[in-house]
Amino acid sequence: MPRLAIFGAAASGAFGLLSIPTYDIEYLVIAGGGGGGVGSGSGGGGAGGYLTSTIKVEAGKAYTITIGGGGASSSTGSNTSGAGVTSSGGGAGSTGVGGTGGSGGGGGAYSNAGGAAVSGQGTAGGAGTGNPGDDEKHGGGGGGAGTAGSAGSVGGNGLASSINGTSVTRAGGGGGSNNGSYGGAQNGSAGGSGGGGAGGNTYGGGSGDVGTAGTINTGGGGGGGGGYASSGQAGGAGGSGLYILRYLGPQRATGGTITTSGGYTIHSFTTSGVYAA
């Protein structure tokens, strides 16, 4: 027994000097964008939550990466997550109050408020404009990662990142849809830079266009749908998200599409998968 105790103490001391090896990764995590609202005067969808920073991962550990899909018309986008980081899906555009999300969805016409953003992940959606009883009405733009959605107008702009070696702007908000004065035709508003979809057009005869979808793998919000209330078109779907990470030096892990730039190894996930550190 004394020999075992001595061995145990020695082993404990030896193993106490050991630690799990870790290394730093930089990441860009964007959730799925929100879908635009239905029919004229509806708000654009908010961009998916946008997160970028540095964390440590454990060498030899497998991390599940889940890529959030864009929300359907009037629906919130899905979260993107992995390695302890989660970005929130973009808020839905609406004919009422815009939905809360990574960035908020645009509010509907007649001064409905835009949706709030998740703190640190995006900006608020713009409010709708127009007065009850007046045919002219405008949906608010969905919030983008960089700027808020405009009241009764365009989607907010996204943010640029060079994490993969090239500057790319992502996570723009969707544009609101508009209804012309006294039944006149009017074009929907533009989406924000970084994949936001434009709002659908409305025509004098009451018909309209479906809102433009957000661009895939940017987390862009979908545009609000056009057409009058009796023939309102669907909002565009939000764009799906992505997860990009990089570390200094040669490849030491697997998972995603692997590239190199500026001395970094880069792993890009546009669909769900596993990062084996």
Protein backbone atom coordinates (compact mmCIF):
# COMPACT_ATOMS: atom_id res chain seq x y z
CA MET A 1 0.00 0.00 0.00
CA PRO A 2 2.75 2.56 0.77
CA ARG A 3 4.30 1.82 -2.61
CA LEU A 4 0.96 2.38 -4.31
CA ALA A 5 0.45 5.63 -2.43
CA ILE A 6 3.89 6.85 -3.44
CA PHE A 7 3.24 5.85 -7.07
CA GLY A 8 -0.13 7.59 -6.98
CA ALA A 9 1.37 10.77 -5.61
CA ALA A 10 4.13 10.73 -8.19
CA ALA A 11 1.65 10.09 -10.98
CA SER A 12 -0.56 12.87 -9.75
CA GLY A 13 2.37 15.25 -9.65
CA ALA A 14 3.49 14.25 -13.11
CA PHE A 15 0.08 14.52 -14.66
CA GLY A 16 -0.50 17.79 -12.86
CA LEU A 17 2.21 19.28 -15.07
CA LEU A 18 0.32 18.28 -18.19
CA SER A 19 -2.39 20.41 -19.80
CA ILE A 20 -4.71 20.01 -22.76
CA PRO A 21 -3.06 21.68 -25.77
CA THR A 22 -5.03 24.60 -27.19
CA TYR A 23 -4.57 27.13 -29.95
CA ASP A 24 -6.23 30.36 -31.07
CA ILE A 25 -8.70 30.67 -33.91
CA GLU A 26 -10.24 33.81 -35.36
CA TYR A 27 -13.84 33.40 -36.42
CA LEU A 28 -16.64 35.04 -38.38
CA VAL A 29 -20.05 33.61 -37.53
CA ILE A 30 -23.21 34.79 -39.31
CA ALA A 31 -26.71 33.41 -38.77
CA GLY A 32 -29.49 33.06 -41.33
CA GLY A 33 -31.29 36.25 -42.34
CA GLY A 34 -34.95 36.93 -41.61
CA GLY A 35 -37.65 36.67 -44.26
CA GLY A 36 -39.46 39.77 -45.55
CA GLY A 37 -43.09 40.49 -44.70
CA VAL A 38 -46.09 39.75 -46.92
CA GLY A 39 -47.75 42.36 -49.16
CA SER A 40 -47.34 46.06 -49.85
CA GLY A 41 -46.02 48.18 -47.03
CA SER A 42 -44.29 45.24 -45.33
CA GLY A 43 -40.85 45.45 -43.78
CA GLY A 44 -37.69 43.76 -44.98
CA GLY A 45 -36.07 40.94 -43.03
CA GLY A 46 -33.20 41.66 -40.66
CA ALA A 47 -29.72 40.30 -41.28
CA GLY A 48 -28.47 37.31 -39.35
CA GLY A 49 -26.40 38.01 -36.25
CA TYR A 50 -22.77 38.91 -37.06
CA LEU A 51 -20.00 37.90 -34.63
CA THR A 52 -16.23 38.05 -35.03
CA SER A 53 -13.49 37.57 -32.44
CA THR A 54 -10.80 35.10 -31.27
CA ILE A 55 -11.20 32.02 -29.07
CA LYS A 56 -9.16 29.01 -28.04
CA VAL A 57 -9.97 25.48 -29.19
CA GLU A 58 -8.62 22.17 -27.91
CA ALA A 59 -6.33 20.26 -30.23
CA GLY A 60 -7.82 16.88 -31.12
CA LYS A 61 -11.39 17.85 -30.21
CA ALA A 62 -14.29 17.70 -32.69
CA TYR A 63 -16.59 20.73 -32.84
CA THR A 64 -19.99 20.53 -34.53
CA ILE A 65 -20.66 23.51 -36.79
CA THR A 66 -24.32 24.27 -37.51
CA ILE A 67 -25.13 26.72 -40.30
CA GLY A 68 -28.40 28.59 -39.89
CA GLY A 69 -30.85 28.72 -42.77
CA GLY A 70 -32.63 31.87 -43.87
CA GLY A 71 -36.17 32.40 -42.65
CA ALA A 72 -39.10 31.93 -45.00
CA SER A 73 -41.49 34.81 -45.68
CA SER A 74 -42.37 36.55 -42.37
CA SER A 75 -40.15 34.14 -40.42
CA THR A 76 -37.03 34.54 -38.30
CA GLY A 77 -33.75 33.08 -39.56
CA SER A 78 -32.01 30.19 -37.79
CA ASN A 79 -28.94 30.40 -35.55
CA THR A 80 -25.41 29.53 -36.63
CA SER A 81 -23.28 27.93 -33.91
CA GLY A 82 -20.12 26.02 -33.09
CA ALA A 83 -17.16 25.98 -30.68
CA GLY A 84 -19.17 27.81 -28.04
CA VAL A 85 -20.19 30.68 -30.35
CA THR A 86 -23.81 31.29 -31.40
CA SER A 87 -25.14 34.03 -33.64
CA SER A 88 -28.89 34.70 -33.68
CA GLY A 89 -31.14 34.46 -36.72
CA GLY A 90 -32.32 37.73 -38.27
CA GLY A 91 -35.72 39.12 -37.30
CA ALA A 92 -38.68 38.76 -39.65
CA GLY A 93 -40.09 41.65 -41.64
CA SER A 94 -43.75 42.35 -40.95
CA THR A 95 -46.87 44.35 -41.73
CA GLY A 96 -46.93 44.98 -37.98
CA VAL A 97 -43.99 45.41 -35.61
CA GLY A 98 -40.77 43.97 -37.02
CA GLY A 99 -39.34 40.83 -35.47
CA THR A 100 -36.42 40.79 -33.02
CA GLY A 101 -33.26 38.97 -34.13
CA GLY A 102 -29.54 39.25 -34.76
CA SER A 103 -30.57 42.36 -36.66
CA GLY A 104 -34.19 43.46 -36.36
CA GLY A 105 -36.81 43.11 -39.07
CA GLY A 106 -38.44 46.14 -40.66
CA GLY A 107 -41.82 47.30 -39.38
CA GLY A 108 -44.94 47.55 -41.49
CA ALA A 109 -46.55 50.69 -42.88
CA TYR A 110 -48.40 53.22 -40.76
CA SER A 111 -45.57 53.70 -38.26
CA ASN A 112 -45.14 50.17 -36.95
CA ALA A 113 -41.78 49.96 -35.19
CA GLY A 114 -38.83 48.01 -36.50
CA GLY A 115 -37.59 45.01 -34.54
CA ALA A 116 -34.78 45.21 -32.01
CA ALA A 117 -31.36 43.65 -32.53
CA VAL A 118 -29.57 41.20 -30.25
CA SER A 119 -26.91 43.19 -28.40
CA GLY A 120 -23.53 43.08 -30.13
CA GLN A 121 -24.80 41.22 -33.19
CA GLY A 122 -26.50 43.78 -35.41
CA THR A 123 -28.81 46.80 -35.63
CA ALA A 124 -32.52 47.55 -35.41
CA GLY A 125 -35.00 47.44 -38.26
CA GLY A 126 -36.56 50.64 -39.60
CA ALA A 127 -40.13 51.66 -38.84
CA GLY A 128 -42.85 51.73 -41.46
CA THR A 129 -44.20 55.06 -42.69
CA GLY A 130 -47.50 56.42 -44.00
CA ASN A 131 -50.78 57.53 -42.48
CA PRO A 132 -53.85 55.34 -41.99
CA GLY A 133 -56.41 56.05 -44.69
CA ASP A 134 -53.74 57.10 -47.19
CA ASP A 135 -52.96 54.65 -49.97
CA GLU A 136 -49.28 55.54 -49.87
CA LYS A 137 -47.41 53.37 -47.39
CA HIS A 138 -43.88 52.12 -46.97
CA GLY A 139 -42.36 49.21 -45.06
CA GLY A 140 -39.18 49.74 -43.07
CA GLY A 141 -35.85 48.29 -44.08
CA GLY A 142 -34.42 45.38 -42.13
CA GLY A 143 -31.39 46.09 -39.98
CA GLY A 144 -27.91 45.20 -41.25
CA ALA A 145 -24.77 44.30 -39.34
CA GLY A 146 -23.31 47.75 -40.01
CA THR A 147 -26.22 50.19 -40.15
CA ALA A 148 -29.86 50.18 -39.09
CA GLY A 149 -32.72 49.77 -41.53
CA SER A 150 -34.18 53.04 -42.83
CA ALA A 151 -37.71 54.14 -41.96
CA GLY A 152 -40.00 53.27 -44.84
CA SER A 153 -37.08 52.51 -47.11
CA VAL A 154 -33.87 50.57 -47.72
CA GLY A 155 -32.25 47.82 -45.71
CA GLY A 156 -29.26 48.51 -43.49
CA ASN A 157 -25.77 47.82 -44.80
CA GLY A 158 -23.64 44.87 -43.76
CA LEU A 159 -20.02 44.75 -42.60
CA ALA A 160 -16.87 43.84 -44.53
CA SER A 161 -14.46 41.13 -43.37
CA SER A 162 -11.17 39.89 -44.86
CA ILE A 163 -10.98 36.75 -42.73
CA ASN A 164 -10.70 34.56 -45.84
CA GLY A 165 -8.09 36.80 -47.49
CA THR A 166 -10.53 38.90 -49.54
CA SER A 167 -12.72 41.74 -48.29
CA VAL A 168 -16.36 40.68 -48.53
CA THR A 169 -19.41 42.53 -47.20
CA ARG A 170 -22.11 40.37 -45.62
CA ALA A 171 -25.24 40.58 -43.43
CA GLY A 172 -27.21 43.34 -45.17
CA GLY A 173 -30.87 43.96 -44.31
CA GLY A 174 -33.79 43.46 -46.69
CA GLY A 175 -35.61 46.40 -48.28
CA GLY A 176 -39.20 47.27 -47.45
CA SER A 177 -42.03 47.12 -49.99
CA ASN A 178 -44.05 50.19 -50.94
CA ASN A 179 -47.54 51.02 -52.16
CA GLY A 180 -48.01 54.02 -54.46
CA SER A 181 -50.34 56.94 -53.76
CA TYR A 182 -53.97 56.26 -54.64
CA GLY A 183 -53.28 52.92 -56.21
CA GLY A 184 -50.31 54.01 -58.30
CA ALA A 185 -47.41 51.69 -59.00
CA GLN A 186 -44.28 51.91 -56.91
CA ASN A 187 -41.03 50.00 -56.69
CA GLY A 188 -39.87 48.32 -53.53
CA SER A 189 -36.80 49.63 -51.72
CA ALA A 190 -33.29 48.25 -52.20
CA GLY A 191 -31.68 45.80 -49.84
CA GLY A 192 -28.58 46.78 -47.89
CA SER A 193 -25.06 45.98 -49.11
CA GLY A 194 -23.99 42.52 -48.08
CA GLY A 195 -26.72 40.33 -49.48
CA GLY A 196 -29.95 42.09 -48.50
CA GLY A 197 -32.84 41.44 -50.90
CA ALA A 198 -34.92 44.23 -52.46
CA GLY A 199 -38.58 44.77 -51.61
CA GLY A 200 -41.13 43.62 -54.19
CA ASN A 201 -42.71 46.06 -56.64
CA THR A 202 -46.42 46.93 -56.53
CA TYR A 203 -48.33 47.66 -59.75
CA GLY A 204 -51.34 49.86 -60.49
CA GLY A 205 -53.63 46.90 -61.07
CA GLY A 206 -53.05 45.58 -57.58
CA SER A 207 -50.59 42.84 -58.44
CA GLY A 208 -47.01 42.73 -57.27
CA ASP A 209 -43.76 40.85 -57.05
CA VAL A 210 -42.41 38.49 -54.44
CA GLY A 211 -39.66 40.12 -52.40
CA THR A 212 -36.10 39.31 -53.45
CA ALA A 213 -34.37 36.67 -51.33
CA GLY A 214 -31.26 37.46 -49.34
CA THR A 215 -28.03 36.12 -50.84
CA ILE A 216 -27.05 32.65 -49.64
CA ASN A 217 -24.19 32.38 -47.13
CA THR A 218 -24.27 36.09 -46.34
CA GLY A 219 -27.07 36.12 -43.75
CA GLY A 220 -28.80 38.85 -45.79
CA GLY A 221 -32.44 39.64 -45.01
CA GLY A 222 -35.20 39.07 -47.56
CA GLY A 223 -37.14 41.94 -49.11
CA GLY A 224 -40.78 42.64 -48.24
CA GLY A 225 -43.40 41.38 -50.69
CA GLY A 226 -45.28 43.64 -53.10
CA GLY A 227 -48.94 43.73 -54.19
CA TYR A 228 -52.01 45.12 -52.46
CA ALA A 229 -53.55 43.53 -49.42
CA SER A 230 -55.98 41.48 -51.52
CA SER A 231 -53.16 40.07 -53.63
CA GLY A 232 -50.13 40.44 -51.40
CA GLN A 233 -47.02 38.58 -52.43
CA ALA A 234 -44.68 36.70 -50.11
CA GLY A 235 -41.58 38.30 -48.73
CA GLY A 236 -38.21 37.05 -49.91
CA ALA A 237 -36.50 34.36 -47.86
CA GLY A 238 -33.45 35.30 -45.83
CA GLY A 239 -30.01 34.20 -46.95
CA SER A 240 -28.32 31.32 -45.15
CA GLY A 241 -25.41 31.96 -42.80
CA LEU A 242 -21.81 30.77 -42.64
CA TYR A 243 -18.93 30.04 -40.25
CA ILE A 244 -15.37 30.92 -41.21
CA LEU A 245 -12.36 30.36 -38.96
CA ARG A 246 -8.63 30.68 -39.40
CA TYR A 247 -5.38 30.14 -37.51
CA LEU A 248 -1.74 31.00 -38.15
CA GLY A 249 0.49 28.41 -39.75
CA PRO A 250 0.03 25.26 -41.82
CA GLN A 251 -3.05 23.07 -41.71
CA ARG A 252 -3.55 21.33 -38.37
CA ALA A 253 -7.29 20.56 -38.51
CA THR A 254 -9.95 19.25 -40.88
CA GLY A 255 -13.45 20.36 -41.82
CA GLY A 256 -15.09 22.76 -44.24
CA THR A 257 -13.43 24.13 -47.36
CA ILE A 258 -9.75 24.68 -46.58
CA THR A 259 -7.71 27.50 -48.15
CA THR A 260 -4.64 29.55 -47.22
CA SER A 261 -3.87 33.26 -47.32
CA GLY A 262 -1.27 35.50 -45.70
CA GLY A 263 0.20 32.74 -43.57
CA TYR A 264 -3.22 31.62 -42.26
CA THR A 265 -5.07 28.34 -42.80
CA ILE A 266 -8.77 29.05 -43.33
CA HIS A 267 -11.73 26.70 -42.84
CA SER A 268 -15.00 27.92 -44.40
CA PHE A 269 -18.31 26.25 -43.59
CA THR A 270 -21.26 27.10 -45.84
CA THR A 271 -23.16 23.99 -44.75
CA SER A 272 -23.17 22.22 -41.41
CA GLY A 273 -20.22 19.98 -40.63
CA VAL A 274 -17.50 19.15 -38.11
CA TYR A 275 -14.31 21.03 -37.34
CA ALA A 276 -11.79 18.47 -36.05
CA ALA A 277 -9.22 20.56 -34.24
